[in-house]
């Protein structure tokens, strides 16, 4: 799988994912808060399937 996410994108997704999962676990949040697992997984692997579909790439390109 090709990485298509930059570090800032991954960091934001991880923070949002952790927040949503924490809300689901500790804060008595709604069931839909478990969707936070998705941004956590995409941040961990560095690739987003939706980015691939839409041709988005936030990963910096190496300059020669």
N, C-alpha and C. Protein backbone atom coordinates (compact mmCIF):
# COMPACT_ATOMS: atom_id res chain seq x y z
N UNK A 1 0.83 -1.17 0.00
CA UNK A 1 0.00 0.00 0.00
C UNK A 1 0.89 1.24 0.00
N UNK A 2 0.61 2.15 -0.90
CA UNK A 2 1.40 3.36 -1.03
C UNK A 2 0.95 4.40 -0.01
N UNK A 3 1.91 5.02 0.64
CA UNK A 3 1.58 6.07 1.61
C UNK A 3 1.13 7.31 0.86
N UNK A 4 0.01 7.88 1.30
CA UNK A 4 -0.49 9.08 0.66
C UNK A 4 -0.88 10.16 1.68
N UNK A 5 -0.37 10.02 2.91
CA UNK A 5 -0.67 10.98 3.97
C UNK A 5 0.62 11.53 4.57
N UNK A 6 0.67 12.85 4.72
CA UNK A 6 1.81 13.49 5.35
C UNK A 6 1.72 13.39 6.87
N UNK A 7 2.77 13.81 7.55
CA UNK A 7 2.84 13.70 9.02
C UNK A 7 1.76 14.53 9.71
N UNK A 8 1.50 15.73 9.26
CA UNK A 8 0.50 16.57 9.91
C UNK A 8 -0.89 15.95 9.74
N UNK A 9 -1.18 15.43 8.58
CA UNK A 9 -2.44 14.76 8.33
C UNK A 9 -2.61 13.55 9.26
N UNK A 10 -1.55 12.78 9.39
CA UNK A 10 -1.58 11.60 10.27
C UNK A 10 -1.76 12.00 11.73
N UNK A 11 -1.09 13.07 12.14
CA UNK A 11 -1.19 13.54 13.52
C UNK A 11 -2.61 14.00 13.85
N UNK A 12 -3.21 14.77 12.96
CA UNK A 12 -4.57 15.25 13.17
C UNK A 12 -5.54 14.07 13.25
N UNK A 13 -5.39 13.10 12.35
CA UNK A 13 -6.26 11.93 12.37
C UNK A 13 -6.10 11.14 13.67
N UNK A 14 -4.87 10.99 14.13
CA UNK A 14 -4.63 10.25 15.36
C UNK A 14 -5.27 10.95 16.56
N UNK A 15 -5.13 12.25 16.64
CA UNK A 15 -5.71 13.00 17.76
C UNK A 15 -7.24 12.90 17.72
N UNK A 16 -7.84 13.09 16.55
CA UNK A 16 -9.29 12.98 16.43
C UNK A 16 -9.76 11.57 16.76
N UNK A 17 -9.05 10.57 16.25
CA UNK A 17 -9.41 9.19 16.53
C UNK A 17 -9.33 8.85 18.00
N UNK A 18 -8.26 9.28 18.65
CA UNK A 18 -8.10 9.02 20.09
C UNK A 18 -9.22 9.71 20.86
N UNK A 19 -9.53 10.94 20.48
CA UNK A 19 -10.60 11.68 21.15
C UNK A 19 -11.95 10.99 21.03
N UNK A 20 -12.27 10.52 19.84
CA UNK A 20 -13.56 9.86 19.64
C UNK A 20 -13.64 8.53 20.39
N UNK A 21 -12.57 7.74 20.35
CA UNK A 21 -12.58 6.47 21.06
C UNK A 21 -12.63 6.69 22.56
N UNK A 22 -11.90 7.68 23.04
CA UNK A 22 -11.95 8.00 24.48
C UNK A 22 -13.36 8.41 24.88
N UNK A 23 -14.00 9.21 24.05
CA UNK A 23 -15.37 9.64 24.31
C UNK A 23 -16.31 8.45 24.38
N UNK A 24 -16.12 7.50 23.48
CA UNK A 24 -16.96 6.29 23.47
C UNK A 24 -16.72 5.44 24.71
N UNK A 25 -15.48 5.37 25.16
CA UNK A 25 -15.14 4.52 26.30
C UNK A 25 -15.45 5.16 27.65
N UNK A 26 -14.97 6.36 27.86
CA UNK A 26 -15.01 6.97 29.19
C UNK A 26 -16.12 8.01 29.37
N UNK A 27 -16.43 8.72 28.32
CA UNK A 27 -17.36 9.82 28.47
C UNK A 27 -18.82 9.46 28.27
N UNK A 28 -19.12 8.19 28.06
CA UNK A 28 -20.50 7.80 27.82
C UNK A 28 -21.01 8.34 26.49
N UNK A 29 -20.13 8.48 25.52
CA UNK A 29 -20.51 9.01 24.22
C UNK A 29 -21.38 8.05 23.44
N UNK A 30 -21.91 8.52 22.35
CA UNK A 30 -22.79 7.68 21.53
C UNK A 30 -22.02 6.55 20.85
N UNK A 31 -22.77 5.58 20.37
CA UNK A 31 -22.16 4.42 19.71
C UNK A 31 -21.36 4.84 18.48
N UNK A 32 -21.82 5.86 17.77
CA UNK A 32 -21.13 6.27 16.55
C UNK A 32 -19.73 6.81 16.82
N UNK A 33 -19.41 7.12 18.06
CA UNK A 33 -18.08 7.63 18.39
C UNK A 33 -17.00 6.57 18.13
N UNK A 34 -17.40 5.31 18.03
CA UNK A 34 -16.43 4.25 17.70
C UNK A 34 -15.86 4.40 16.30
N UNK A 35 -16.44 5.29 15.50
CA UNK A 35 -15.90 5.55 14.16
C UNK A 35 -14.48 6.10 14.26
N UNK A 36 -14.09 6.54 15.45
CA UNK A 36 -12.73 7.03 15.68
C UNK A 36 -11.66 5.99 15.41
N UNK A 37 -12.04 4.73 15.35
CA UNK A 37 -11.08 3.67 15.03
C UNK A 37 -10.57 3.83 13.60
N UNK A 38 -11.41 4.32 12.70
CA UNK A 38 -11.02 4.47 11.30
C UNK A 38 -9.88 5.48 11.13
N UNK A 39 -9.99 6.70 11.66
CA UNK A 39 -8.84 7.61 11.51
C UNK A 39 -7.59 7.11 12.23
N UNK A 40 -7.77 6.38 13.33
CA UNK A 40 -6.60 5.81 14.01
C UNK A 40 -5.89 4.81 13.11
N UNK A 41 -6.63 3.94 12.46
CA UNK A 41 -6.02 2.95 11.57
C UNK A 41 -5.36 3.59 10.36
N UNK A 42 -6.03 4.56 9.74
CA UNK A 42 -5.42 5.20 8.57
C UNK A 42 -4.18 5.99 8.96
N UNK A 43 -4.18 6.59 10.15
CA UNK A 43 -2.98 7.29 10.62
C UNK A 43 -1.84 6.31 10.87
N UNK A 44 -2.17 5.14 11.40
CA UNK A 44 -1.14 4.15 11.70
C UNK A 44 -0.49 3.60 10.43
N UNK A 45 -1.28 3.37 9.38
CA UNK A 45 -0.70 2.79 8.17
C UNK A 45 -0.21 3.85 7.18
N UNK A 46 -0.66 5.10 7.36
CA UNK A 46 -0.19 6.19 6.50
C UNK A 46 -0.83 6.23 5.13
N UNK A 47 -1.94 5.53 4.98
CA UNK A 47 -2.62 5.50 3.70
C UNK A 47 -4.12 5.58 3.91
N UNK A 48 -4.79 6.41 3.11
CA UNK A 48 -6.23 6.59 3.22
C UNK A 48 -6.88 6.12 1.91
N UNK A 49 -7.77 5.14 1.97
CA UNK A 49 -8.43 4.67 0.75
C UNK A 49 -9.23 5.77 0.04
N UNK A 50 -9.85 6.67 0.79
CA UNK A 50 -10.60 7.76 0.17
C UNK A 50 -9.66 8.69 -0.60
N UNK A 51 -8.48 8.94 -0.07
CA UNK A 51 -7.50 9.76 -0.77
C UNK A 51 -7.12 9.12 -2.10
N UNK A 52 -6.98 7.81 -2.11
CA UNK A 52 -6.64 7.09 -3.34
C UNK A 52 -7.74 7.26 -4.38
N UNK A 53 -8.99 7.13 -3.96
CA UNK A 53 -10.13 7.27 -4.88
C UNK A 53 -10.18 8.66 -5.49
N UNK A 54 -9.96 9.69 -4.68
CA UNK A 54 -10.07 11.07 -5.15
C UNK A 54 -8.74 11.65 -5.65
N UNK A 55 -7.68 10.87 -5.62
CA UNK A 55 -6.38 11.33 -6.14
C UNK A 55 -5.69 12.35 -5.26
N UNK A 56 -5.95 12.31 -3.97
CA UNK A 56 -5.33 13.25 -3.03
C UNK A 56 -4.06 12.62 -2.46
N UNK A 57 -3.03 13.43 -2.29
CA UNK A 57 -1.78 12.96 -1.71
C UNK A 57 -1.17 14.09 -0.89
N UNK A 58 -1.12 13.92 0.43
CA UNK A 58 -0.53 14.95 1.28
C UNK A 58 0.88 14.57 1.73
N UNK A 59 1.37 13.46 1.23
CA UNK A 59 2.71 13.00 1.55
C UNK A 59 3.72 13.85 0.76
N UNK A 60 4.71 14.40 1.44
CA UNK A 60 5.68 15.23 0.71
C UNK A 60 6.49 14.40 -0.30
N UNK A 61 6.79 15.03 -1.41
CA UNK A 61 7.54 14.38 -2.49
C UNK A 61 9.01 14.69 -2.29
N UNK A 62 9.86 13.68 -2.41
CA UNK A 62 11.30 13.88 -2.27
C UNK A 62 11.81 14.71 -3.45
N UNK A 63 12.63 15.72 -3.15
CA UNK A 63 13.19 16.58 -4.19
C UNK A 63 14.60 16.12 -4.52
N UNK A 64 14.91 16.12 -5.79
CA UNK A 64 16.25 15.72 -6.25
C UNK A 64 17.18 16.88 -6.33
